[in-house]
């Protein structure tokens, strides 16, 4: 099988065609896809007539299911959540801030898959920021300083009962499940070596990072705010435009991402799976 790879021409990202993901994936093809994924960080598979069975099979082939806290799965499934916004919904846009999925877990997921179910005629692009490129572009003394820092991660600002998606969040289509467990904290180095490529990356940003170990909170938030501006500079960003029958797969270890709006009055639905943390 010959795959066609079309780089986005932006900071990262590529389209991959020449394969049918509605059928089981042989181990050699899975290895080839993972290699392309690691190189381009986010890859899109257009023209895929996939159902939820095929989405689950693809996720298993890419490394198995990761933990998905705070989302209820769709009926009849354990590992698929609907990223859904109905046409008449007026609640604030979901996931409109830069983040890496579930970075507050002890072993955060290596990747995320989204399968297009219902795509509006315009708007709804997803933005990705290459955090290996962002780190490479820093001055050497700044790199050394950031390597010395350990970040405190938590879901509390988003998924605690009093968080953004907590008890006060009304009339939302998505099945979000806030919980007191969101108050827990975990620490991860602010700069990490990608476990498969070895690239150094800035890992996550404001939202899921609530502090820096050994640093006064005011100073930590000031540093993180400054760093967030750098992490999302235009030269590090890829804008993904959705199509019907498209599967998207991205690397949470080397990217930040965020949702965008612009499709008011139209329904949008994607089915999401999480790829487990990589183990050698």
Protein backbone atom coordinates (compact mmCIF):
# COMPACT_ATOMS: atom_id res chain seq x y z
CA UNK A 1 0.00 0.00 0.00
CA UNK A 2 1.36 3.39 -1.03
CA UNK A 3 0.40 6.27 1.21
CA UNK A 4 0.28 9.85 -0.01
CA UNK A 5 1.55 12.37 2.54
CA UNK A 6 0.85 16.07 2.03
CA UNK A 7 2.49 18.35 4.63
CA UNK A 8 0.38 21.34 5.62
CA UNK A 9 3.11 23.88 4.87
CA UNK A 10 2.49 25.32 8.34
CA UNK A 11 4.25 24.65 11.63
CA UNK A 12 3.17 21.00 11.69
CA UNK A 13 0.44 18.77 10.29
CA UNK A 14 -0.11 16.61 7.21
CA UNK A 15 -2.87 14.89 5.24
CA UNK A 16 -2.50 11.16 4.68
CA UNK A 17 -4.46 9.38 1.93
CA UNK A 18 -4.28 6.08 0.08
CA UNK A 19 -5.70 3.88 2.83
CA UNK A 20 -9.09 2.70 4.08
CA UNK A 21 -9.41 2.86 7.86
CA UNK A 22 -12.82 1.18 7.88
CA UNK A 23 -10.96 -2.15 7.72
CA UNK A 24 -8.60 -3.69 10.31
CA UNK A 25 -5.08 -2.27 10.28
CA UNK A 26 -2.17 -4.65 9.84
CA UNK A 27 0.77 -4.21 12.23
CA UNK A 28 3.11 -2.96 9.49
CA UNK A 29 0.59 -0.29 8.43
CA UNK A 30 0.08 0.73 12.06
CA UNK A 31 3.83 1.15 12.44
CA UNK A 32 3.96 3.26 9.26
CA UNK A 33 1.12 5.50 10.45
CA UNK A 34 2.77 6.00 13.83
CA UNK A 35 6.02 7.01 12.10
CA UNK A 36 4.18 9.62 10.02
CA UNK A 37 2.36 10.81 13.14
CA UNK A 38 5.57 11.28 15.10
CA UNK A 39 7.11 13.27 12.26
CA UNK A 40 4.16 15.60 11.57
CA UNK A 41 2.58 15.59 15.08
CA UNK A 42 -0.99 15.93 13.77
CA UNK A 43 -2.27 13.99 10.77
CA UNK A 44 -5.61 14.03 8.98
CA UNK A 45 -7.11 11.11 7.08
CA UNK A 46 -9.72 12.49 4.65
CA UNK A 47 -12.44 10.46 2.97
CA UNK A 48 -12.78 7.79 5.66
CA UNK A 49 -16.19 6.09 5.81
CA UNK A 50 -15.63 4.94 9.39
CA UNK A 51 -18.03 4.01 12.14
CA UNK A 52 -17.41 3.79 15.87
CA UNK A 53 -16.18 0.18 15.62
CA UNK A 54 -13.47 1.27 13.19
CA UNK A 55 -12.56 4.26 15.37
CA UNK A 56 -12.06 1.98 18.35
CA UNK A 57 -10.03 -0.50 16.28
CA UNK A 58 -7.80 2.30 15.00
CA UNK A 59 -7.22 3.59 18.53
CA UNK A 60 -6.25 0.12 19.72
CA UNK A 61 -3.83 -0.23 16.79
CA UNK A 62 -2.24 3.12 17.68
CA UNK A 63 -1.54 2.13 21.29
CA UNK A 64 -4.77 1.29 23.09
CA UNK A 65 -7.29 3.32 25.06
CA UNK A 66 -6.20 5.94 27.53
CA UNK A 67 -8.09 7.23 30.53
CA UNK A 68 -10.85 9.75 29.76
CA UNK A 69 -11.95 11.46 32.99
CA UNK A 70 -14.83 13.92 33.23
CA UNK A 71 -16.58 12.81 30.00
CA UNK A 72 -19.49 10.40 29.81
CA UNK A 73 -19.12 8.05 26.82
CA UNK A 74 -21.75 7.84 24.11
CA UNK A 75 -24.44 5.16 24.62
CA UNK A 76 -23.18 1.63 24.04
CA UNK A 77 -19.48 2.54 24.20
CA UNK A 78 -16.88 2.75 26.95
CA UNK A 79 -14.13 4.68 25.18
CA UNK A 80 -15.85 7.15 22.80
CA UNK A 81 -17.04 10.60 23.83
CA UNK A 82 -19.00 13.03 21.68
CA UNK A 83 -17.52 16.50 21.22
CA UNK A 84 -20.90 18.01 20.47
CA UNK A 85 -22.44 21.44 20.07
CA UNK A 86 -26.06 21.71 18.94
CA UNK A 87 -27.14 24.39 16.48
CA UNK A 88 -29.09 26.38 19.08
CA UNK A 89 -26.53 26.07 21.89
CA UNK A 90 -25.54 29.28 23.68
CA UNK A 91 -23.11 27.98 26.32
CA UNK A 92 -19.47 29.11 26.08
CA UNK A 93 -17.39 27.24 23.50
CA UNK A 94 -15.81 24.04 24.82
CA UNK A 95 -11.98 23.80 24.91
CA UNK A 96 -11.32 27.29 23.55
CA UNK A 97 -8.09 27.68 25.56
CA UNK A 98 -4.72 26.15 24.68
CA UNK A 99 -4.08 22.84 26.44
CA UNK A 100 -2.71 19.31 26.17
CA UNK A 101 -5.37 16.70 26.88
CA UNK A 102 -5.49 15.42 30.45
CA UNK A 103 -2.00 16.66 31.36
CA UNK A 104 -3.07 16.48 35.02
CA UNK A 105 -3.09 12.67 35.00
CA UNK A 106 -0.16 10.67 36.45
CA UNK A 107 0.45 9.21 32.97
CA UNK A 108 -1.14 11.60 30.43
CA UNK A 109 -2.30 10.17 27.09
CA UNK A 110 0.07 10.10 24.15
CA UNK A 111 -2.57 11.15 21.63
CA UNK A 112 -6.15 11.92 20.76
CA UNK A 113 -8.33 10.89 17.81
CA UNK A 114 -11.35 12.82 16.51
CA UNK A 115 -13.70 11.41 13.88
CA UNK A 116 -15.91 13.90 12.01
CA UNK A 117 -19.59 13.03 12.39
CA UNK A 118 -21.37 16.31 11.60
CA UNK A 119 -19.30 19.21 10.27
CA UNK A 120 -20.75 22.72 9.82
CA UNK A 121 -20.34 24.47 6.46
CA UNK A 122 -17.90 26.99 7.93
CA UNK A 123 -15.94 27.62 11.12
CA UNK A 124 -14.98 25.16 13.83
CA UNK A 125 -11.29 24.91 12.90
CA UNK A 126 -8.93 23.35 15.44
CA UNK A 127 -5.62 25.10 16.14
CA UNK A 128 -2.42 23.25 17.06
CA UNK A 129 0.82 24.75 18.40
CA UNK A 130 4.09 22.84 17.97
CA UNK A 131 5.81 22.86 21.36
CA UNK A 132 9.06 21.33 20.11
CA UNK A 133 9.41 24.25 17.68
CA UNK A 134 8.47 26.70 20.43
CA UNK A 135 11.18 25.33 22.70
CA UNK A 136 13.85 25.22 19.97
CA UNK A 137 13.30 28.91 19.21
CA UNK A 138 14.07 30.03 22.79
CA UNK A 139 17.46 31.47 23.79
CA UNK A 140 19.77 28.91 25.38
CA UNK A 141 19.76 30.53 28.81
CA UNK A 142 15.96 30.56 28.81
CA UNK A 143 15.90 26.88 27.85
CA UNK A 144 18.20 26.04 30.77
CA UNK A 145 16.01 27.94 33.21
CA UNK A 146 12.79 26.31 32.03
CA UNK A 147 14.40 22.86 32.20
CA UNK A 148 14.85 23.40 35.92
CA UNK A 149 11.12 23.92 36.60
CA UNK A 150 8.45 21.44 37.66
CA UNK A 151 4.83 22.37 36.93
CA UNK A 152 1.84 21.59 39.12
CA UNK A 153 -1.06 20.29 37.02
CA UNK A 154 -4.72 20.05 38.02
CA UNK A 155 -8.16 19.84 36.43
CA UNK A 156 -9.70 22.01 39.12
CA UNK A 157 -10.20 25.17 37.05
CA UNK A 158 -12.15 23.23 34.43
CA UNK A 159 -13.81 20.17 35.97
CA UNK A 160 -14.20 20.78 39.70
CA UNK A 161 -17.82 21.39 40.78
CA UNK A 162 -17.08 25.14 40.86
CA UNK A 163 -14.97 25.08 37.68
CA UNK A 164 -15.70 26.27 34.16
CA UNK A 165 -17.60 23.07 33.31
CA UNK A 166 -18.94 22.51 36.81
CA UNK A 167 -22.31 22.97 38.44
CA UNK A 168 -22.88 26.47 37.03
CA UNK A 169 -22.36 25.33 33.43
CA UNK A 170 -25.89 24.99 32.06
CA UNK A 171 -27.56 23.91 28.80
CA UNK A 172 -24.47 22.27 27.30
CA UNK A 173 -24.88 19.47 24.75
CA UNK A 174 -21.71 17.62 25.74
CA UNK A 175 -21.92 15.00 28.49
CA UNK A 176 -19.34 16.52 30.84
CA UNK A 177 -19.06 14.98 34.32
CA UNK A 178 -17.45 17.39 36.83
CA UNK A 179 -16.17 15.78 39.99
CA UNK A 180 -14.34 16.63 43.19
CA UNK A 181 -11.43 14.46 42.00
CA UNK A 182 -10.53 17.41 39.75
CA UNK A 183 -9.01 19.07 42.82
CA UNK A 184 -6.13 16.57 42.81
CA UNK A 185 -2.71 17.74 41.63
CA UNK A 186 0.16 16.09 39.77
CA UNK A 187 3.61 17.35 38.89
CA UNK A 188 5.39 17.08 35.54
CA UNK A 189 8.59 18.75 34.29
CA UNK A 190 7.80 21.93 32.38
CA UNK A 191 10.24 20.79 29.67
CA UNK A 192 10.09 17.14 28.64
CA UNK A 193 11.93 14.92 26.20
CA UNK A 194 9.40 13.26 23.92
CA UNK A 195 9.52 9.55 24.89
CA UNK A 196 9.67 8.35 21.28
CA UNK A 197 11.48 11.07 19.33
CA UNK A 198 13.67 12.58 22.04
CA UNK A 199 12.66 16.12 21.04
CA UNK A 200 12.49 18.54 23.95
CA UNK A 201 9.08 20.17 24.26
CA UNK A 202 7.28 22.66 26.45
CA UNK A 203 4.60 20.61 28.16
CA UNK A 204 1.17 22.17 28.61
CA UNK A 205 0.20 25.68 29.64
CA UNK A 206 -2.21 27.78 31.70
CA UNK A 207 -5.48 26.08 32.49
CA UNK A 208 -4.17 22.69 33.49
CA UNK A 209 -1.01 24.14 35.08
CA UNK A 210 -1.87 25.95 38.30
CA UNK A 211 1.61 26.63 39.69
CA UNK A 212 5.34 25.95 39.69
CA UNK A 213 7.00 23.96 42.49
CA UNK A 214 9.00 26.19 44.84
CA UNK A 215 7.75 29.44 43.27
CA UNK A 216 5.37 32.00 44.72
CA UNK A 217 1.96 31.74 43.07
CA UNK A 218 2.01 35.31 41.74
CA UNK A 219 5.43 34.78 40.17
CA UNK A 220 4.40 31.40 38.75
CA UNK A 221 1.28 32.77 37.07
CA UNK A 222 3.26 35.71 35.66
CA UNK A 223 5.84 33.32 34.19
CA UNK A 224 3.21 30.96 32.81
CA UNK A 225 1.26 33.84 31.27
CA UNK A 226 4.39 35.14 29.54
CA UNK A 227 5.29 31.65 28.36
CA UNK A 228 1.77 31.02 27.05
CA UNK A 229 2.09 34.01 24.74
CA UNK A 230 5.31 32.54 23.34
CA UNK A 231 3.93 29.01 23.01
CA UNK A 232 1.08 30.14 20.75
CA UNK A 233 3.00 32.47 18.43
CA UNK A 234 1.81 32.30 14.83
CA UNK A 235 4.98 30.66 13.54
CA UNK A 236 4.33 27.63 15.76
CA UNK A 237 0.64 27.20 14.83
CA UNK A 238 -1.20 24.96 12.36
CA UNK A 239 -4.87 25.67 11.62
CA UNK A 240 -6.80 22.52 10.80
CA UNK A 241 -9.91 22.82 8.63
CA UNK A 242 -12.41 20.01 9.07
CA UNK A 243 -14.14 17.96 6.39
CA UNK A 244 -16.88 15.36 6.61
CA UNK A 245 -15.58 11.76 6.82
CA UNK A 246 -12.24 12.88 8.23
CA UNK A 247 -10.24 11.30 11.04
CA UNK A 248 -7.69 13.42 12.90
CA UNK A 249 -4.94 12.14 15.19
CA UNK A 250 -2.55 14.31 17.18
CA UNK A 251 0.34 13.96 19.62
CA UNK A 252 -0.43 15.43 23.05
CA UNK A 253 3.21 15.18 24.08
CA UNK A 254 4.42 17.74 21.55
CA UNK A 255 1.37 19.91 20.83
CA UNK A 256 -1.09 22.27 22.40
CA UNK A 257 -4.51 22.63 20.79
CA UNK A 258 -7.66 24.69 21.08
CA UNK A 259 -11.12 24.90 19.54
CA UNK A 260 -12.49 27.83 17.54
CA UNK A 261 -16.06 28.90 16.85
CA UNK A 262 -17.60 30.67 13.89
CA UNK A 263 -20.34 28.13 13.16
CA UNK A 264 -23.21 29.63 15.11
CA UNK A 265 -26.57 28.18 14.09
CA UNK A 266 -25.01 24.91 12.89
CA UNK A 267 -24.59 21.57 14.62
CA UNK A 268 -21.08 20.14 15.09
CA UNK A 269 -20.24 16.64 16.33
CA UNK A 270 -17.02 14.66 16.48
CA UNK A 271 -16.35 11.32 18.18
CA UNK A 272 -13.27 11.25 20.34
CA UNK A 273 -10.98 8.53 21.67
CA UNK A 274 -7.83 8.87 23.73
CA UNK A 275 -4.61 6.96 22.98
CA UNK A 276 -2.89 5.55 26.05
CA UNK A 277 0.44 6.76 27.39
CA UNK A 278 3.33 5.20 25.47
CA UNK A 279 5.44 2.55 27.15
CA UNK A 280 8.71 1.28 25.72
